[in-house]
Amino acid sequence: MHNTIAIVLELSSKKIFDPHMTLINTLNQNYKQEVAQLSRFYIPITDLFVLALGISDDIGQFIEIKLTLRD
């Protein structure tokens, strides 16, 4: 995936790339019950979203769209 995105963004695929994923870790034994309680009030977002690849400035603001994907 990194190579495909690098081609679309016209970047070198040799550039340092550090993928990551954020996971939750808790010592709270009651987390399942607490999540179930909160999810009763959860209303999913139903807006239309567009996945876009682009260029960001030094502080992470999206400044140029290179590719958009719509459903």
C-alpha atoms as a PDB file:
ATOM      1  CA  MET A   1       0.000   0.000   0.000  1.00  0.00           C
ATOM      2  CA  HIS A   2       2.855   2.351   0.844  1.00  0.00           C
ATOM      3  CA  ASN A   3       4.350   1.960  -2.652  1.00  0.00           C
ATOM      4  CA  THR A   4       0.979   2.612  -4.331  1.00  0.00           C
ATOM      5  CA  ILE A   5       0.410   5.763  -2.298  1.00  0.00           C
ATOM      6  CA  ALA A   6       3.986   6.925  -2.948  1.00  0.00           C
ATOM      7  CA  ILE A   7       3.348   6.647  -6.707  1.00  0.00           C
ATOM      8  CA  VAL A   8       0.069   8.593  -6.478  1.00  0.00           C
ATOM      9  CA  LEU A   9       1.696  11.317  -4.385  1.00  0.00           C
ATOM     10  CA  GLU A  10       4.788  11.323  -6.589  1.00  0.00           C
ATOM     11  CA  LEU A  11       7.051  10.583  -3.620  1.00  0.00           C
ATOM     12  CA  SER A  12       9.984   8.244  -3.326  1.00  0.00           C
ATOM     13  CA  SER A  13       8.923   4.884  -1.890  1.00  0.00           C
ATOM     14  CA  LYS A  14      12.399   4.784  -0.316  1.00  0.00           C
ATOM     15  CA  LYS A  15      11.409   7.621   2.055  1.00  0.00           C
ATOM     16  CA  ILE A  16      11.358   6.568   5.718  1.00  0.00           C
ATOM     17  CA  PHE A  17       7.905   5.212   6.535  1.00  0.00           C
ATOM     18  CA  ASP A  18       6.784   4.402  10.066  1.00  0.00           C
ATOM     19  CA  PRO A  19       3.279   2.871  10.014  1.00  0.00           C
ATOM     20  CA  HIS A  20       1.460   2.622  13.335  1.00  0.00           C
ATOM     21  CA  MET A  21      -1.816   1.576  14.913  1.00  0.00           C
ATOM     22  CA  THR A  22      -3.311   2.828  18.154  1.00  0.00           C
ATOM     23  CA  LEU A  23      -4.818   0.188  20.443  1.00  0.00           C
ATOM     24  CA  ILE A  24      -6.477   0.455  23.829  1.00  0.00           C
ATOM     25  CA  ASN A  25      -5.076  -1.220  26.907  1.00  0.00           C
ATOM     26  CA  THR A  26      -6.823  -1.035  30.257  1.00  0.00           C
ATOM     27  CA  LEU A  27      -6.623  -2.596  33.683  1.00  0.00           C
ATOM     28  CA  ASN A  28     -10.317  -1.821  34.244  1.00  0.00           C
ATOM     29  CA  GLN A  29     -12.041  -5.198  34.631  1.00  0.00           C
ATOM     30  CA  ASN A  30     -15.451  -3.577  33.979  1.00  0.00           C
ATOM     31  CA  TYR A  31     -14.594  -1.996  30.635  1.00  0.00           C
ATOM     32  CA  LYS A  32     -16.961  -4.258  28.659  1.00  0.00           C
ATOM     33  CA  GLN A  33     -19.903  -3.262  30.827  1.00  0.00           C
ATOM     34  CA  GLU A  34     -18.956   0.419  30.656  1.00  0.00           C
ATOM     35  CA  VAL A  35     -18.640   0.307  26.860  1.00  0.00           C
ATOM     36  CA  ALA A  36     -22.008  -1.486  26.578  1.00  0.00           C
ATOM     37  CA  GLN A  37     -23.596   1.206  28.742  1.00  0.00           C
ATOM     38  CA  LEU A  38     -22.153   4.034  26.652  1.00  0.00           C
ATOM     39  CA  SER A  39     -22.985   2.394  23.316  1.00  0.00           C
ATOM     40  CA  ARG A  40     -26.711   2.514  24.142  1.00  0.00           C
ATOM     41  CA  PHE A  41     -26.474   6.290  23.656  1.00  0.00           C
ATOM     42  CA  TYR A  42     -24.155   6.158  20.638  1.00  0.00           C
ATOM     43  CA  ILE A  43     -25.628   7.545  17.440  1.00  0.00           C
ATOM     44  CA  PRO A  44     -23.506   6.634  14.410  1.00  0.00           C
ATOM     45  CA  ILE A  45     -22.416   9.380  12.040  1.00  0.00           C
ATOM     46  CA  THR A  46     -24.354   9.148   8.781  1.00  0.00           C
ATOM     47  CA  ASP A  47     -22.668  11.951   6.834  1.00  0.00           C
ATOM     48  CA  LEU A  48     -21.041  11.308   3.466  1.00  0.00           C
ATOM     49  CA  PHE A  49     -17.269  10.995   3.793  1.00  0.00           C
ATOM     50  CA  VAL A  50     -14.676  11.063   1.033  1.00  0.00           C
ATOM     51  CA  LEU A  51     -11.334   9.311   1.419  1.00  0.00           C
ATOM     52  CA  ALA A  52      -8.620  11.546   0.008  1.00  0.00           C
ATOM     53  CA  LEU A  53      -4.867  11.312  -0.367  1.00  0.00           C
ATOM     54  CA  GLY A  54      -2.927  14.499  -0.502  1.00  0.00           C
ATOM     55  CA  ILE A  55      -0.140  16.700   0.694  1.00  0.00           C
ATOM     56  CA  SER A  56      -0.038  18.257   4.172  1.00  0.00           C
ATOM     57  CA  ASP A  57       1.997  21.184   5.372  1.00  0.00           C
ATOM     58  CA  ASP A  58       4.448  21.056   8.296  1.00  0.00           C
ATOM     59  CA  ILE A  59       1.661  21.229  10.886  1.00  0.00           C
ATOM     60  CA  GLY A  60      -0.557  18.589   9.253  1.00  0.00           C
ATOM     61  CA  GLN A  61      -3.051  20.795   7.407  1.00  0.00           C
ATOM     62  CA  PHE A  62      -4.322  19.274   4.164  1.00  0.00           C
ATOM     63  CA  ILE A  63      -3.117  21.626   1.406  1.00  0.00           C
ATOM     64  CA  GLU A  64      -3.351  19.652  -1.861  1.00  0.00           C
ATOM     65  CA  ILE A  65      -5.576  16.755  -2.940  1.00  0.00           C
ATOM     66  CA  LYS A  66      -3.886  14.158  -5.148  1.00  0.00           C
ATOM     67  CA  LEU A  67      -6.568  11.440  -5.234  1.00  0.00           C
ATOM     68  CA  THR A  68     -10.117  11.007  -3.901  1.00  0.00           C
ATOM     69  CA  LEU A  69     -12.032   7.764  -3.475  1.00  0.00           C
ATOM     70  CA  ARG A  70     -15.836   7.781  -3.237  1.00  0.00           C
ATOM     71  CA  ASP A  71     -18.269   4.926  -2.682  1.00  0.00           C
END
